Amino acid sequence: MTIQNSFLYKGIAVCLFPAMLFSCEGNLKEVKAMEKDFLEPQSKVYDLNLFYTDSGAVKANLRSPEMLDYSNREFPFREFPQGIELDFFEQDSSKNTISSDYAIQYLETGLIDLRDHVKIVTSDSTILTGPQLYWDQKREWLFTDYSYNLQLSNGARNQGEGFDADQKFTTFNSRSNTGIQYIQE
């Protein structure tokens, strides 16, 4: 009797083992599909031309050939792999422009990482260029540890390594720089 039970248990194990293997295969495919979906952006936008208005007035215009939205991530962000051009309009309709060949906007922190040929042109013709720039939207602050070139509207020029400034450039702290400054007496 025990020999028959032994064969019975072995037979059941032999039948159930392949069934368990095949049942896991379907779940594994589903898990891989879910993982792939998580790695992919939630949405893709091509030829983006976005206007931000407040009380009927245009405040900003964002243009980009491509935007990848990863807001489904634990740390959500939007990626602009082909760069951005962003215009800000002040109350008097003057325009400030930011452009770069690549950008990432981190949604929770309000930080924007601009990379590759970053250029800012303000309404008073101040021009800032550099390879990378961070923009803290919440604090309205710009900073970088990389090299930069700054040309002010009065003709003064400044180049250096690393700076931080408010987004209107009324406060500008350079870590090391050289340049030509014009000082009124």
N, C-alpha and C. Protein backbone atom coordinates (compact mmCIF):
# COMPACT_ATOMS: atom_id res chain seq x y z
N MET A 1 0.81 -1.19 0.00
CA MET A 1 0.00 0.00 0.00
C MET A 1 0.86 1.26 0.00
N THR A 2 1.95 1.29 0.75
CA THR A 2 2.81 2.46 0.78
C THR A 2 3.53 2.65 -0.54
N ILE A 3 3.83 1.57 -1.25
CA ILE A 3 4.47 1.69 -2.55
C ILE A 3 3.50 2.35 -3.53
N GLN A 4 2.22 1.96 -3.47
CA GLN A 4 1.23 2.58 -4.36
C GLN A 4 1.07 4.07 -4.05
N ASN A 5 1.04 4.42 -2.76
CA ASN A 5 0.93 5.84 -2.38
C ASN A 5 2.14 6.63 -2.87
N SER A 6 3.32 6.03 -2.77
CA SER A 6 4.54 6.68 -3.23
C SER A 6 4.47 6.97 -4.72
N PHE A 7 4.01 5.97 -5.52
CA PHE A 7 3.85 6.18 -6.96
C PHE A 7 2.78 7.24 -7.24
N LEU A 8 1.71 7.22 -6.45
CA LEU A 8 0.63 8.19 -6.63
C LEU A 8 1.14 9.62 -6.39
N TYR A 9 1.89 9.82 -5.29
CA TYR A 9 2.42 11.15 -4.99
C TYR A 9 3.42 11.62 -6.05
N LYS A 10 4.27 10.70 -6.49
CA LYS A 10 5.23 11.05 -7.54
C LYS A 10 4.51 11.39 -8.84
N GLY A 11 3.46 10.66 -9.16
CA GLY A 11 2.67 10.93 -10.37
C GLY A 11 2.01 12.30 -10.32
N ILE A 12 1.47 12.61 -9.14
CA ILE A 12 0.83 13.93 -8.98
C ILE A 12 1.88 15.03 -9.12
N ALA A 13 3.05 14.85 -8.49
CA ALA A 13 4.12 15.84 -8.58
C ALA A 13 4.59 16.03 -10.01
N VAL A 14 4.71 14.90 -10.76
CA VAL A 14 5.16 14.98 -12.15
C VAL A 14 4.13 15.73 -12.99
N CYS A 15 2.86 15.55 -12.71
CA CYS A 15 1.81 16.25 -13.48
C CYS A 15 1.71 17.73 -13.10
N LEU A 16 1.84 18.05 -11.81
CA LEU A 16 1.68 19.43 -11.37
C LEU A 16 2.88 20.32 -11.69
N PHE A 17 4.09 19.75 -11.67
CA PHE A 17 5.29 20.55 -11.91
C PHE A 17 5.27 21.23 -13.28
N PRO A 18 5.02 20.51 -14.39
CA PRO A 18 4.94 21.20 -15.69
C PRO A 18 3.80 22.21 -15.75
N ALA A 19 2.68 21.88 -15.09
CA ALA A 19 1.55 22.82 -15.09
C ALA A 19 1.94 24.13 -14.40
N MET A 20 2.69 24.03 -13.30
CA MET A 20 3.14 25.23 -12.61
C MET A 20 4.11 26.03 -13.47
N LEU A 21 4.99 25.35 -14.19
CA LEU A 21 5.93 26.06 -15.06
C LEU A 21 5.21 26.84 -16.14
N PHE A 22 4.22 26.20 -16.78
CA PHE A 22 3.50 26.88 -17.86
C PHE A 22 2.63 28.01 -17.33
N SER A 23 2.08 27.85 -16.12
CA SER A 23 1.25 28.92 -15.58
C SER A 23 2.10 30.14 -15.23
N CYS A 24 3.34 29.97 -14.82
CA CYS A 24 4.22 31.10 -14.51
C CYS A 24 4.64 31.85 -15.76
N GLU A 25 4.69 31.14 -16.88
CA GLU A 25 5.14 31.78 -18.12
C GLU A 25 4.20 32.91 -18.51
N GLY A 26 2.91 32.71 -18.40
CA GLY A 26 1.95 33.77 -18.73
C GLY A 26 2.11 34.96 -17.81
N ASN A 27 2.27 34.72 -16.53
CA ASN A 27 2.46 35.81 -15.58
C ASN A 27 3.76 36.56 -15.84
N LEU A 28 4.81 35.83 -16.20
CA LEU A 28 6.09 36.46 -16.48
C LEU A 28 5.97 37.40 -17.68
N LYS A 29 5.22 36.97 -18.68
CA LYS A 29 5.02 37.84 -19.85
C LYS A 29 4.26 39.10 -19.46
N GLU A 30 3.26 38.94 -18.59
CA GLU A 30 2.50 40.11 -18.14
C GLU A 30 3.38 41.06 -17.33
N VAL A 31 4.22 40.50 -16.47
CA VAL A 31 5.11 41.33 -15.65
C VAL A 31 6.08 42.09 -16.55
N LYS A 32 6.65 41.41 -17.55
CA LYS A 32 7.56 42.09 -18.47
C LYS A 32 6.84 43.18 -19.25
N ALA A 33 5.59 42.93 -19.64
CA ALA A 33 4.83 43.94 -20.37
C ALA A 33 4.56 45.16 -19.48
N MET A 34 4.22 44.90 -18.20
CA MET A 34 3.98 46.02 -17.28
C MET A 34 5.27 46.80 -17.04
N GLU A 35 6.39 46.10 -16.92
CA GLU A 35 7.68 46.77 -16.72
C GLU A 35 8.02 47.63 -17.93
N LYS A 36 7.77 47.10 -19.12
CA LYS A 36 8.05 47.87 -20.34
C LYS A 36 7.19 49.13 -20.37
N ASP A 37 5.90 48.99 -20.01
CA ASP A 37 5.01 50.15 -19.98
C ASP A 37 5.51 51.19 -18.99
N PHE A 38 6.06 50.75 -17.86
CA PHE A 38 6.54 51.69 -16.86
C PHE A 38 7.79 52.43 -17.34
N LEU A 39 8.62 51.76 -18.14
CA LEU A 39 9.84 52.40 -18.64
C LEU A 39 9.53 53.36 -19.79
N GLU A 40 8.44 53.14 -20.48
CA GLU A 40 8.04 54.01 -21.58
C GLU A 40 7.39 55.27 -21.02
N PRO A 41 7.43 56.36 -21.75
CA PRO A 41 6.74 57.57 -21.28
C PRO A 41 5.23 57.37 -21.28
N GLN A 42 4.57 58.08 -20.40
CA GLN A 42 3.11 58.01 -20.33
C GLN A 42 2.49 58.56 -21.60
N SER A 43 3.13 59.60 -22.14
CA SER A 43 2.65 60.17 -23.41
C SER A 43 3.82 60.83 -24.13
N LYS A 44 3.65 60.98 -25.44
CA LYS A 44 4.63 61.65 -26.29
C LYS A 44 3.91 62.75 -27.05
N VAL A 45 4.54 63.91 -27.12
CA VAL A 45 3.96 65.03 -27.85
C VAL A 45 4.98 65.49 -28.88
N TYR A 46 4.52 65.68 -30.10
CA TYR A 46 5.40 66.14 -31.17
C TYR A 46 4.96 67.54 -31.62
N ASP A 47 5.93 68.36 -32.00
CA ASP A 47 5.68 69.73 -32.46
C ASP A 47 4.84 70.51 -31.44
N LEU A 48 5.31 70.51 -30.21
CA LEU A 48 4.62 71.18 -29.11
C LEU A 48 4.70 72.70 -29.28
N ASN A 49 3.56 73.36 -29.13
CA ASN A 49 3.48 74.82 -29.15
C ASN A 49 2.45 75.20 -28.10
N LEU A 50 2.90 75.37 -26.86
CA LEU A 50 2.03 75.53 -25.71
C LEU A 50 2.04 76.99 -25.25
N PHE A 51 0.86 77.56 -25.07
CA PHE A 51 0.72 78.92 -24.57
C PHE A 51 0.17 78.87 -23.15
N TYR A 52 0.77 79.66 -22.25
CA TYR A 52 0.26 79.81 -20.89
C TYR A 52 -0.30 81.21 -20.78
N THR A 53 -1.57 81.29 -20.41
CA THR A 53 -2.22 82.60 -20.30
C THR A 53 -2.72 82.81 -18.87
N ASP A 54 -2.81 84.07 -18.50
CA ASP A 54 -3.35 84.45 -17.20
C ASP A 54 -4.20 85.68 -17.41
N SER A 55 -5.47 85.59 -17.08
CA SER A 55 -6.43 86.69 -17.26
C SER A 55 -6.46 87.17 -18.70
N GLY A 56 -6.36 86.26 -19.64
CA GLY A 56 -6.44 86.59 -21.06
C GLY A 56 -5.14 87.05 -21.69
N ALA A 57 -4.10 87.25 -20.89
CA ALA A 57 -2.81 87.70 -21.42
C ALA A 57 -1.85 86.52 -21.52
N VAL A 58 -1.13 86.44 -22.63
CA VAL A 58 -0.14 85.38 -22.82
C VAL A 58 1.05 85.68 -21.92
N LYS A 59 1.39 84.73 -21.05
CA LYS A 59 2.52 84.88 -20.13
C LYS A 59 3.75 84.13 -20.62
N ALA A 60 3.52 82.98 -21.31
CA ALA A 60 4.65 82.17 -21.78
C ALA A 60 4.23 81.36 -23.00
N ASN A 61 5.22 81.04 -23.82
CA ASN A 61 5.02 80.20 -25.00
C ASN A 61 6.18 79.21 -25.07
N LEU A 62 5.86 77.92 -24.94
CA LEU A 62 6.85 76.85 -24.97
C LEU A 62 6.74 76.11 -26.29
N ARG A 63 7.89 75.98 -26.98
CA ARG A 63 7.92 75.25 -28.25
C ARG A 63 9.00 74.17 -28.16
N SER A 64 8.67 72.99 -28.67
CA SER A 64 9.63 71.89 -28.68
C SER A 64 9.23 70.89 -29.76
N PRO A 65 10.21 70.31 -30.46
CA PRO A 65 9.89 69.28 -31.45
C PRO A 65 9.32 68.01 -30.81
N GLU A 66 9.71 67.74 -29.54
CA GLU A 66 9.25 66.50 -28.90
C GLU A 66 9.27 66.66 -27.38
N MET A 67 8.19 66.17 -26.74
CA MET A 67 8.14 66.12 -25.28
C MET A 67 7.74 64.71 -24.87
N LEU A 68 8.48 64.13 -23.93
CA LEU A 68 8.16 62.81 -23.38
C LEU A 68 7.72 63.02 -21.94
N ASP A 69 6.50 62.57 -21.63
CA ASP A 69 5.92 62.79 -20.31
C ASP A 69 6.06 61.53 -19.46
N TYR A 70 6.88 61.62 -18.42
CA TYR A 70 7.08 60.51 -17.49
C TYR A 70 6.43 60.83 -16.15
N SER A 71 5.26 61.44 -16.16
CA SER A 71 4.60 61.80 -14.91
C SER A 71 4.00 60.59 -14.20
N ASN A 72 4.11 59.39 -14.82
CA ASN A 72 3.65 58.16 -14.18
C ASN A 72 4.73 57.54 -13.29
N ARG A 73 5.87 58.16 -13.19
CA ARG A 73 6.98 57.65 -12.37
C ARG A 73 6.85 58.08 -10.92
N GLU A 74 7.62 57.43 -10.06
CA GLU A 74 7.64 57.82 -8.65
C GLU A 74 8.20 59.24 -8.50
N PHE A 75 9.20 59.59 -9.30
CA PHE A 75 9.75 60.94 -9.34
C PHE A 75 9.43 61.49 -10.73
N PRO A 76 8.25 62.10 -10.91
CA PRO A 76 7.78 62.46 -12.26
C PRO A 76 8.60 63.57 -12.91
N PHE A 77 8.74 63.46 -14.24
CA PHE A 77 9.46 64.47 -15.00
C PHE A 77 8.97 64.49 -16.44
N ARG A 78 9.32 65.58 -17.13
CA ARG A 78 9.07 65.70 -18.57
C ARG A 78 10.41 65.91 -19.24
N GLU A 79 10.64 65.20 -20.33
CA GLU A 79 11.91 65.28 -21.04
C GLU A 79 11.69 65.90 -22.41
N PHE A 80 12.59 66.77 -22.79
CA PHE A 80 12.57 67.41 -24.09
C PHE A 80 13.87 67.04 -24.80
N PRO A 81 13.93 65.85 -25.43
CA PRO A 81 15.20 65.35 -25.98
C PRO A 81 15.72 66.16 -27.17
N GLN A 82 14.85 66.92 -27.82
CA GLN A 82 15.28 67.72 -28.97
C GLN A 82 15.30 69.21 -28.64
N GLY A 83 15.26 69.52 -27.36
CA GLY A 83 15.40 70.90 -26.94
C GLY A 83 14.11 71.66 -26.79
N ILE A 84 14.26 72.90 -26.30
CA ILE A 84 13.11 73.78 -26.09
C ILE A 84 13.45 75.20 -26.52
N GLU A 85 12.41 75.96 -26.76
CA GLU A 85 12.50 77.41 -26.88
C GLU A 85 11.31 77.94 -26.10
N LEU A 86 11.60 78.78 -25.11
CA LEU A 86 10.57 79.25 -24.20
C LEU A 86 10.62 80.77 -24.13
N ASP A 87 9.50 81.40 -24.44
CA ASP A 87 9.38 82.86 -24.37
C ASP A 87 8.52 83.23 -23.16
N PHE A 88 8.99 84.20 -22.38
CA PHE A 88 8.23 84.76 -21.27
C PHE A 88 7.87 86.19 -21.63
N PHE A 89 6.63 86.56 -21.40
CA PHE A 89 6.18 87.91 -21.72
C PHE A 89 5.85 88.65 -20.43
N GLU A 90 6.39 89.86 -20.30
CA GLU A 90 6.12 90.68 -19.13
C GLU A 90 4.90 91.54 -19.39
N GLN A 91 4.45 92.28 -18.38
CA GLN A 91 3.23 93.09 -18.51
C GLN A 91 3.32 94.10 -19.65
N ASP A 92 4.51 94.63 -19.90
CA ASP A 92 4.66 95.60 -20.98
C ASP A 92 4.90 94.91 -22.33
N SER A 93 4.65 93.60 -22.41
CA SER A 93 4.81 92.77 -23.62
C SER A 93 6.25 92.53 -24.02
N SER A 94 7.22 92.96 -23.19
CA SER A 94 8.61 92.64 -23.51
C SER A 94 8.83 91.14 -23.33
N LYS A 95 9.81 90.62 -24.07
CA LYS A 95 9.99 89.18 -24.15
C LYS A 95 11.37 88.77 -23.66
N ASN A 96 11.41 87.68 -22.88
CA ASN A 96 12.64 87.01 -22.47
C ASN A 96 12.59 85.61 -23.07
N THR A 97 13.72 85.14 -23.62
CA THR A 97 13.74 83.84 -24.30
C THR A 97 14.81 82.94 -23.71
N ILE A 98 14.44 81.68 -23.50
CA ILE A 98 15.38 80.64 -23.06
C ILE A 98 15.34 79.54 -24.11
N SER A 99 16.54 79.07 -24.52
CA SER A 99 16.59 77.95 -25.46
C SER A 99 17.72 77.01 -25.07
N SER A 100 17.55 75.74 -25.40
CA SER A 100 18.59 74.73 -25.17
C SER A 100 18.31 73.55 -26.09
N ASP A 101 19.33 72.73 -26.31
CA ASP A 101 19.18 71.57 -27.18
C ASP A 101 18.59 70.36 -26.45
N TYR A 102 18.50 70.43 -25.11
CA TYR A 102 17.96 69.33 -24.31
C TYR A 102 17.47 69.92 -23.00
N ALA A 103 16.36 69.37 -22.47
CA ALA A 103 15.85 69.87 -21.19
C ALA A 103 15.05 68.78 -20.48
N ILE A 104 15.07 68.85 -19.15
CA ILE A 104 14.24 67.99 -18.30
C ILE A 104 13.58 68.88 -17.27
N GLN A 105 12.27 68.71 -17.11
CA GLN A 105 11.52 69.44 -16.09
C GLN A 105 11.09 68.44 -15.02
N TYR A 106 11.57 68.63 -13.79
CA TYR A 106 11.19 67.77 -12.67
C TYR A 106 9.95 68.36 -12.02
N LEU A 107 8.84 67.63 -12.09
CA LEU A 107 7.54 68.19 -11.74
C LEU A 107 7.38 68.47 -10.25
N GLU A 108 7.89 67.60 -9.38
CA GLU A 108 7.69 67.80 -7.94
C GLU A 108 8.56 68.91 -7.38
N THR A 109 9.75 69.07 -7.88
CA THR A 109 10.68 70.07 -7.32
C THR A 109 10.61 71.41 -8.04
N GLY A 110 10.07 71.43 -9.26
CA GLY A 110 10.04 72.67 -10.03
C GLY A 110 11.38 73.03 -10.64
N LEU A 111 12.31 72.08 -10.65
CA LEU A 111 13.65 72.31 -11.19
C LEU A 111 13.68 71.92 -12.67
N ILE A 112 14.30 72.77 -13.48
CA ILE A 112 14.48 72.48 -14.90
C ILE A 112 15.97 72.42 -15.18
N ASP A 113 16.40 71.33 -15.81
CA ASP A 113 17.79 71.11 -16.18
C ASP A 113 17.90 71.38 -17.68
N LEU A 114 18.57 72.47 -18.04
CA LEU A 114 18.78 72.84 -19.44
C LEU A 114 20.21 72.46 -19.82
N ARG A 115 20.37 71.79 -20.96
CA ARG A 115 21.71 71.32 -21.36
C ARG A 115 21.95 71.59 -22.84
N ASP A 116 23.21 71.71 -23.16
CA ASP A 116 23.69 71.82 -24.54
C ASP A 116 23.20 73.10 -25.21
N HIS A 117 24.12 74.01 -25.40
CA HIS A 117 23.86 75.29 -26.07
C HIS A 117 22.72 76.07 -25.41
N VAL A 118 22.82 76.23 -24.11
CA VAL A 118 21.82 76.99 -23.37
C VAL A 118 22.02 78.48 -23.68
N LYS A 119 20.92 79.16 -23.96
CA LYS A 119 20.99 80.59 -24.26
C LYS A 119 19.78 81.29 -23.67
N ILE A 120 20.06 82.37 -22.95
CA ILE A 120 19.00 83.21 -22.41
C ILE A 120 19.19 84.61 -22.97
N VAL A 121 18.12 85.17 -23.52
CA VAL A 121 18.13 86.55 -24.01
C VAL A 121 17.00 87.28 -23.28
N THR A 122 17.37 88.30 -22.50
CA THR A 122 16.36 89.04 -21.74
C THR A 122 15.82 90.21 -22.56
N SER A 123 14.77 90.81 -22.06
CA SER A 123 14.13 91.91 -22.78
C SER A 123 15.05 93.13 -22.91
N ASP A 124 16.04 93.28 -22.02
CA ASP A 124 16.97 94.40 -22.14
C ASP A 124 18.24 94.02 -22.90
N SER A 125 18.20 92.92 -23.65
CA SER A 125 19.29 92.43 -24.51
C SER A 125 20.47 91.82 -23.76
N THR A 126 20.31 91.46 -22.49
CA THR A 126 21.33 90.69 -21.79
C THR A 126 21.32 89.28 -22.36
N ILE A 127 22.52 88.74 -22.67
CA ILE A 127 22.62 87.41 -23.27
C ILE A 127 23.53 86.55 -22.39
N LEU A 128 23.02 85.40 -21.99
CA LEU A 128 23.78 84.43 -21.21
C LEU A 128 23.84 83.13 -21.99
N THR A 129 25.05 82.56 -22.14
CA THR A 129 25.20 81.28 -22.82
C THR A 129 26.06 80.35 -21.97
N GLY A 130 25.85 79.05 -22.14
CA GLY A 130 26.64 78.06 -21.42
C GLY A 130 26.20 76.65 -21.79
N PRO A 131 26.95 75.64 -21.33
CA PRO A 131 26.63 74.26 -21.67
C PRO A 131 25.51 73.66 -20.82
N GLN A 132 25.31 74.17 -19.60
CA GLN A 132 24.25 73.64 -18.74
C GLN A 132 23.83 74.71 -17.75
N LEU A 133 22.53 74.68 -17.44
CA LEU A 133 21.98 75.66 -16.51
C LEU A 133 20.79 75.02 -15.79
N TYR A 134 20.71 75.23 -14.49
CA TYR A 134 19.54 74.80 -13.72
C TYR A 134 18.68 76.01 -13.43
N TRP A 135 17.37 75.80 -13.52
CA TRP A 135 16.43 76.88 -13.24
C TRP A 135 15.45 76.37 -12.21
N ASP A 136 15.46 76.98 -11.04
CA ASP A 136 14.53 76.63 -9.96
C ASP A 136 13.32 77.55 -10.11
N GLN A 137 12.23 77.01 -10.64
CA GLN A 137 11.05 77.82 -10.91
C GLN A 137 10.40 78.33 -9.63
N LYS A 138 10.41 77.51 -8.58
CA LYS A 138 9.75 77.91 -7.33
C LYS A 138 10.47 79.07 -6.67
N ARG A 139 11.79 79.05 -6.67
CA ARG A 139 12.58 80.11 -6.05
C ARG A 139 12.95 81.22 -7.05
N GLU A 140 12.63 81.01 -8.32
CA GLU A 140 12.96 81.96 -9.39
C GLU A 140 14.46 82.23 -9.40
N TRP A 141 15.24 81.15 -9.44
CA TRP A 141 16.69 81.23 -9.31
C TRP A 141 17.36 80.39 -10.38
N LEU A 142 18.48 80.89 -10.93
CA LEU A 142 19.28 80.19 -11.94
C LEU A 142 20.64 79.89 -11.36
N PHE A 143 21.21 78.72 -11.72
CA PHE A 143 22.55 78.41 -11.24
C PHE A 143 23.21 77.35 -12.12
N THR A 144 24.54 77.34 -12.07
CA THR A 144 25.33 76.34 -12.79
C THR A 144 26.71 76.24 -12.16
N ASP A 145 27.36 75.11 -12.37
CA ASP A 145 28.76 74.94 -11.98
C ASP A 145 29.66 74.94 -13.21
N TYR A 146 29.06 75.10 -14.37
CA TYR A 146 29.81 75.05 -15.63
C TYR A 146 30.20 76.46 -16.08
N SER A 147 30.95 76.51 -17.16
CA SER A 147 31.38 77.80 -17.71
C SER A 147 30.19 78.55 -18.30
N TYR A 148 30.33 79.85 -18.37
CA TYR A 148 29.27 80.69 -18.94
C TYR A 148 29.88 81.93 -19.56
N ASN A 149 29.12 82.55 -20.45
CA ASN A 149 29.45 83.85 -21.03
C ASN A 149 28.23 84.74 -20.83
N LEU A 150 28.48 85.94 -20.35
CA LEU A 150 27.40 86.88 -20.09
C LEU A 150 27.73 88.20 -20.76
N GLN A 151 26.79 88.70 -21.54
CA GLN A 151 26.93 90.02 -22.16
C GLN A 151 25.75 90.86 -21.70
N LEU A 152 26.05 91.92 -20.96
CA LEU A 152 25.00 92.79 -20.43
C LEU A 152 24.59 93.82 -21.48
N SER A 153 23.44 94.42 -21.25
CA SER A 153 22.91 95.38 -22.22
C SER A 153 23.79 96.62 -22.36
N ASN A 154 24.60 96.94 -21.35
CA ASN A 154 25.48 98.12 -21.43
C ASN A 154 26.81 97.79 -22.11
N GLY A 155 26.97 96.57 -22.61
CA GLY A 155 28.19 96.18 -23.31
C GLY A 155 29.20 95.44 -22.44
N ALA A 156 28.97 95.42 -21.13
CA ALA A 156 29.88 94.70 -20.23
C ALA A 156 29.84 93.21 -20.57
N ARG A 157 31.03 92.58 -20.46
CA ARG A 157 31.14 91.15 -20.74
C ARG A 157 31.74 90.45 -19.54
N ASN A 158 31.29 89.24 -19.33
CA ASN A 158 31.76 88.46 -18.19
C ASN A 158 31.77 87.00 -18.61
N GLN A 159 32.84 86.31 -18.27
CA GLN A 159 32.88 84.87 -18.48
C GLN A 159 33.51 84.23 -17.26
N GLY A 160 33.06 83.06 -16.92
CA GLY A 160 33.58 82.43 -15.72
C GLY A 160 33.09 81.01 -15.56
N GLU A 161 33.37 80.49 -14.37
CA GLU A 161 32.97 79.13 -14.00
C GLU A 161 31.99 79.23 -12.85
N GLY A 162 30.76 78.86 -13.09
CA GLY A 162 29.76 78.78 -12.04
C GLY A 162 29.19 80.11 -11.60
N PHE A 163 27.88 80.16 -11.44
CA PHE A 163 27.21 81.34 -10.91
C PHE A 163 25.85 80.93 -10.36
N ASP A 164 25.26 81.83 -9.61
CA ASP A 164 23.85 81.73 -9.27
C ASP A 164 23.27 83.13 -9.30
N ALA A 165 22.01 83.22 -9.73
CA ALA A 165 21.39 84.53 -9.93
C ALA A 165 19.88 84.41 -9.84
N ASP A 166 19.23 85.53 -9.51
CA ASP A 166 17.77 85.52 -9.63
C ASP A 166 17.43 85.58 -11.11
N GLN A 167 16.22 85.18 -11.46
CA GLN A 167 15.90 85.05 -12.88
C GLN A 167 15.79 86.38 -13.62
N LYS A 168 15.79 87.50 -12.91
CA LYS A 168 15.81 88.80 -13.57
C LYS A 168 17.23 89.37 -13.66
N PHE A 169 18.22 88.64 -13.14
CA PHE A 169 19.63 89.03 -13.14
C PHE A 169 19.90 90.30 -12.33
N THR A 170 19.03 90.65 -11.39
CA THR A 170 19.33 91.78 -10.52
C THR A 170 20.35 91.39 -9.46
N THR A 171 20.40 90.11 -9.09
CA THR A 171 21.44 89.56 -8.23
C THR A 171 22.18 88.52 -9.05
N PHE A 172 23.51 88.67 -9.15
CA PHE A 172 24.32 87.74 -9.94
C PHE A 172 25.61 87.47 -9.17
N ASN A 173 25.76 86.24 -8.69
CA ASN A 173 26.95 85.85 -7.93
C ASN A 173 27.77 84.88 -8.76
N SER A 174 28.94 85.35 -9.21
CA SER A 174 29.84 84.51 -10.00
C SER A 174 30.91 83.93 -9.09
N ARG A 175 31.24 82.65 -9.30
CA ARG A 175 32.25 82.01 -8.45
C ARG A 175 33.66 82.38 -8.87
N SER A 176 33.90 82.46 -10.16
CA SER A 176 35.19 82.96 -10.67
C SER A 176 34.92 83.51 -12.05
N ASN A 177 35.47 84.68 -12.33
CA ASN A 177 35.16 85.27 -13.63
C ASN A 177 36.24 86.25 -14.07
N THR A 178 36.19 86.55 -15.34
CA THR A 178 36.99 87.62 -15.93
C THR A 178 36.07 88.36 -16.88
N GLY A 179 36.41 89.60 -17.16
CA GLY A 179 35.57 90.32 -18.10
C GLY A 179 35.80 91.81 -18.05
N ILE A 180 34.98 92.50 -18.79
CA ILE A 180 35.02 93.96 -18.87
C ILE A 180 33.73 94.47 -18.24
N GLN A 181 33.87 95.32 -17.24
CA GLN A 181 32.71 95.87 -16.55
C GLN A 181 32.70 97.38 -16.72
N TYR A 182 31.53 97.94 -16.92
CA TYR A 182 31.37 99.39 -17.00
C TYR A 182 30.70 99.86 -15.72
N ILE A 183 31.36 100.76 -15.00
CA ILE A 183 30.86 101.22 -13.71
C ILE A 183 30.58 102.72 -13.81
N GLN A 184 29.39 103.11 -13.43
CA GLN A 184 29.05 104.53 -13.43
C GLN A 184 29.56 105.17 -12.14
N GLU A 185 30.10 106.39 -12.28
CA GLU A 185 30.62 107.10 -11.10
C GLU A 185 29.60 108.06 -10.57
